[in-house]
Amino acid sequence: MLIKVKVFPNSKKREIIKKLEDTFEVKVKEKPIKGQANKAVKEVLASYFKISKSRIRLIKGFKQRNKVFSLSSKTL
């Protein structure tokens, strides 16, 4: 399943807001330096969907605010 995520790094707290069925806004405390914010977003998504971080892959938007993540139901 693919989901679209708009990331807000440097926020005061970690938070996830569902906008549409496949669209989310994620706020994380980490700064967008050396992938710290991306890693934090994966942790928030893993917690929200109750799956392991290894099942979440960043597909698009490595250095942008708007990202696309792939969530797999099985590990490869």
N, C-alpha and C. Protein backbone atom coordinates (compact mmCIF):
# COMPACT_ATOMS: atom_id res chain seq x y z
N MET A 1 0.85 -1.17 0.00
CA MET A 1 0.00 0.00 0.00
C MET A 1 0.90 1.24 0.00
N LEU A 2 0.58 2.20 -0.81
CA LEU A 2 1.31 3.46 -0.86
C LEU A 2 0.54 4.53 -0.10
N ILE A 3 1.26 5.33 0.66
CA ILE A 3 0.62 6.45 1.36
C ILE A 3 1.43 7.71 1.10
N LYS A 4 0.73 8.85 1.09
CA LYS A 4 1.38 10.15 0.91
C LYS A 4 1.49 10.80 2.29
N VAL A 5 2.65 11.36 2.55
CA VAL A 5 2.91 11.96 3.86
C VAL A 5 3.51 13.35 3.67
N LYS A 6 2.94 14.32 4.36
CA LYS A 6 3.53 15.65 4.41
C LYS A 6 4.20 15.77 5.78
N VAL A 7 5.50 16.03 5.77
CA VAL A 7 6.29 16.01 7.00
C VAL A 7 6.53 17.43 7.50
N PHE A 8 6.42 17.58 8.81
CA PHE A 8 6.70 18.84 9.48
C PHE A 8 7.81 18.59 10.50
N PRO A 9 9.08 18.72 10.08
CA PRO A 9 10.18 18.52 11.03
C PRO A 9 10.30 19.69 11.99
N ASN A 10 11.06 19.49 13.05
CA ASN A 10 11.30 20.56 14.04
C ASN A 10 10.03 20.96 14.78
N SER A 11 9.07 20.06 14.91
CA SER A 11 7.84 20.37 15.64
C SER A 11 8.06 20.18 17.14
N LYS A 12 7.13 20.64 17.93
CA LYS A 12 7.26 20.53 19.38
C LYS A 12 6.98 19.12 19.87
N LYS A 13 6.17 18.36 19.12
CA LYS A 13 5.86 16.99 19.53
C LYS A 13 5.65 16.11 18.30
N ARG A 14 5.68 14.81 18.53
CA ARG A 14 5.40 13.85 17.46
C ARG A 14 3.90 13.66 17.36
N GLU A 15 3.40 13.73 16.13
CA GLU A 15 1.95 13.64 15.94
C GLU A 15 1.68 13.17 14.51
N ILE A 16 0.60 12.40 14.34
CA ILE A 16 0.18 11.99 13.01
C ILE A 16 -1.29 12.36 12.84
N ILE A 17 -1.61 12.96 11.70
CA ILE A 17 -2.97 13.40 11.41
C ILE A 17 -3.38 12.78 10.08
N LYS A 18 -4.50 12.06 10.11
CA LYS A 18 -5.01 11.43 8.89
C LYS A 18 -5.89 12.44 8.16
N LYS A 19 -5.51 12.76 6.92
CA LYS A 19 -6.26 13.72 6.11
C LYS A 19 -7.26 13.01 5.21
N LEU A 20 -6.77 12.01 4.48
CA LEU A 20 -7.61 11.18 3.62
C LEU A 20 -7.26 9.72 3.89
N GLU A 21 -7.85 8.82 3.15
CA GLU A 21 -7.57 7.39 3.34
C GLU A 21 -6.09 7.06 3.20
N ASP A 22 -5.41 7.72 2.26
CA ASP A 22 -4.00 7.42 2.01
C ASP A 22 -3.09 8.64 2.16
N THR A 23 -3.56 9.66 2.87
CA THR A 23 -2.80 10.90 3.02
C THR A 23 -2.72 11.28 4.50
N PHE A 24 -1.49 11.57 4.93
CA PHE A 24 -1.25 11.88 6.33
C PHE A 24 -0.34 13.10 6.46
N GLU A 25 -0.44 13.76 7.61
CA GLU A 25 0.52 14.79 8.01
C GLU A 25 1.22 14.24 9.25
N VAL A 26 2.54 14.30 9.24
CA VAL A 26 3.31 13.79 10.36
C VAL A 26 4.22 14.90 10.88
N LYS A 27 4.11 15.15 12.18
CA LYS A 27 4.97 16.13 12.84
C LYS A 27 5.99 15.38 13.68
N VAL A 28 7.27 15.75 13.53
CA VAL A 28 8.33 15.11 14.31
C VAL A 28 9.25 16.18 14.90
N LYS A 29 9.87 15.85 16.02
CA LYS A 29 10.77 16.78 16.69
C LYS A 29 12.11 16.91 15.99
N GLU A 30 12.54 15.86 15.30
CA GLU A 30 13.86 15.82 14.70
C GLU A 30 14.01 16.83 13.57
N LYS A 31 15.26 17.23 13.34
CA LYS A 31 15.57 18.17 12.27
C LYS A 31 15.82 17.40 10.98
N PRO A 32 15.60 18.04 9.84
CA PRO A 32 15.82 17.35 8.56
C PRO A 32 17.29 17.32 8.16
N ILE A 33 18.10 16.74 9.01
CA ILE A 33 19.54 16.66 8.77
C ILE A 33 19.96 15.19 8.76
N LYS A 34 20.63 14.77 7.68
CA LYS A 34 21.15 13.40 7.54
C LYS A 34 20.07 12.34 7.76
N GLY A 35 18.86 12.61 7.32
CA GLY A 35 17.79 11.62 7.38
C GLY A 35 17.17 11.40 8.75
N GLN A 36 17.47 12.27 9.71
CA GLN A 36 16.92 12.12 11.05
C GLN A 36 15.39 12.22 11.05
N ALA A 37 14.85 13.18 10.33
CA ALA A 37 13.40 13.36 10.29
C ALA A 37 12.74 12.19 9.57
N ASN A 38 13.35 11.70 8.48
CA ASN A 38 12.79 10.55 7.76
C ASN A 38 12.72 9.32 8.67
N LYS A 39 13.76 9.11 9.46
CA LYS A 39 13.80 7.98 10.38
C LYS A 39 12.69 8.11 11.42
N ALA A 40 12.51 9.31 11.92
CA ALA A 40 11.46 9.56 12.92
C ALA A 40 10.07 9.34 12.33
N VAL A 41 9.88 9.75 11.07
CA VAL A 41 8.59 9.55 10.41
C VAL A 41 8.30 8.05 10.28
N LYS A 42 9.32 7.27 9.93
CA LYS A 42 9.13 5.81 9.84
C LYS A 42 8.70 5.23 11.19
N GLU A 43 9.29 5.73 12.27
CA GLU A 43 8.92 5.27 13.61
C GLU A 43 7.47 5.61 13.93
N VAL A 44 7.06 6.83 13.60
CA VAL A 44 5.68 7.26 13.86
C VAL A 44 4.70 6.42 13.04
N LEU A 45 5.01 6.18 11.76
CA LEU A 45 4.13 5.38 10.91
C LEU A 45 4.06 3.93 11.40
N ALA A 46 5.20 3.38 11.82
CA ALA A 46 5.22 2.01 12.32
C ALA A 46 4.33 1.87 13.55
N SER A 47 4.40 2.85 14.42
CA SER A 47 3.57 2.84 15.62
C SER A 47 2.08 2.98 15.27
N TYR A 48 1.77 3.87 14.34
CA TYR A 48 0.38 4.12 13.95
C TYR A 48 -0.25 2.89 13.29
N PHE A 49 0.48 2.26 12.37
CA PHE A 49 -0.05 1.11 11.65
C PHE A 49 0.22 -0.21 12.36
N LYS A 50 0.94 -0.17 13.49
CA LYS A 50 1.26 -1.35 14.29
C LYS A 50 2.00 -2.41 13.46
N ILE A 51 3.02 -1.95 12.74
CA ILE A 51 3.89 -2.84 11.97
C ILE A 51 5.34 -2.48 12.28
N SER A 52 6.27 -3.34 11.90
CA SER A 52 7.67 -3.04 12.17
C SER A 52 8.20 -2.01 11.17
N LYS A 53 9.25 -1.31 11.59
CA LYS A 53 9.85 -0.28 10.72
C LYS A 53 10.41 -0.88 9.44
N SER A 54 10.79 -2.15 9.47
CA SER A 54 11.36 -2.78 8.28
C SER A 54 10.33 -2.97 7.17
N ARG A 55 9.07 -2.85 7.50
CA ARG A 55 7.99 -2.99 6.50
C ARG A 55 7.63 -1.65 5.84
N ILE A 56 8.32 -0.60 6.23
CA ILE A 56 8.04 0.73 5.69
C ILE A 56 9.24 1.19 4.88
N ARG A 57 8.99 1.60 3.63
CA ARG A 57 10.06 2.08 2.76
C ARG A 57 9.70 3.45 2.21
N LEU A 58 10.67 4.33 2.21
CA LEU A 58 10.51 5.66 1.61
C LEU A 58 10.75 5.52 0.12
N ILE A 59 9.73 5.78 -0.68
CA ILE A 59 9.80 5.61 -2.13
C ILE A 59 10.19 6.90 -2.84
N LYS A 60 9.60 8.01 -2.41
CA LYS A 60 9.79 9.27 -3.12
C LYS A 60 9.82 10.42 -2.11
N GLY A 61 10.67 11.41 -2.37
CA GLY A 61 10.69 12.61 -1.54
C GLY A 61 11.72 12.56 -0.44
N PHE A 62 12.90 12.01 -0.72
CA PHE A 62 13.94 11.88 0.30
C PHE A 62 14.32 13.23 0.90
N LYS A 63 14.32 14.29 0.08
CA LYS A 63 14.72 15.61 0.56
C LYS A 63 13.60 16.64 0.46
N GLN A 64 12.37 16.18 0.25
CA GLN A 64 11.22 17.08 0.17
C GLN A 64 10.31 16.87 1.37
N ARG A 65 9.42 17.83 1.56
CA ARG A 65 8.44 17.73 2.65
C ARG A 65 7.36 16.71 2.31
N ASN A 66 6.98 16.63 1.03
CA ASN A 66 5.96 15.67 0.60
C ASN A 66 6.65 14.38 0.18
N LYS A 67 6.22 13.28 0.81
CA LYS A 67 6.89 11.99 0.60
C LYS A 67 5.86 10.92 0.26
N VAL A 68 6.35 9.83 -0.34
CA VAL A 68 5.52 8.65 -0.58
C VAL A 68 6.20 7.47 0.08
N PHE A 69 5.46 6.78 0.94
CA PHE A 69 5.96 5.60 1.64
C PHE A 69 5.21 4.37 1.16
N SER A 70 5.92 3.25 1.15
CA SER A 70 5.31 1.96 0.83
C SER A 70 5.22 1.16 2.12
N LEU A 71 4.03 0.64 2.41
CA LEU A 71 3.82 -0.21 3.57
C LEU A 71 3.55 -1.62 3.07
N SER A 72 4.36 -2.56 3.49
CA SER A 72 4.14 -3.94 3.06
C SER A 72 3.59 -4.76 4.23
N SER A 73 2.72 -5.67 3.91
CA SER A 73 2.12 -6.51 4.96
C SER A 73 3.01 -7.67 5.34
N LYS A 74 3.96 -8.02 4.46
CA LYS A 74 4.89 -9.12 4.74
C LYS A 74 6.30 -8.62 4.58
N THR A 75 7.21 -9.18 5.37
CA THR A 75 8.61 -8.84 5.20
C THR A 75 9.18 -9.65 4.04
N LEU A 76 10.13 -9.08 3.36
CA LEU A 76 10.70 -9.77 2.20
C LEU A 76 11.85 -10.66 2.59
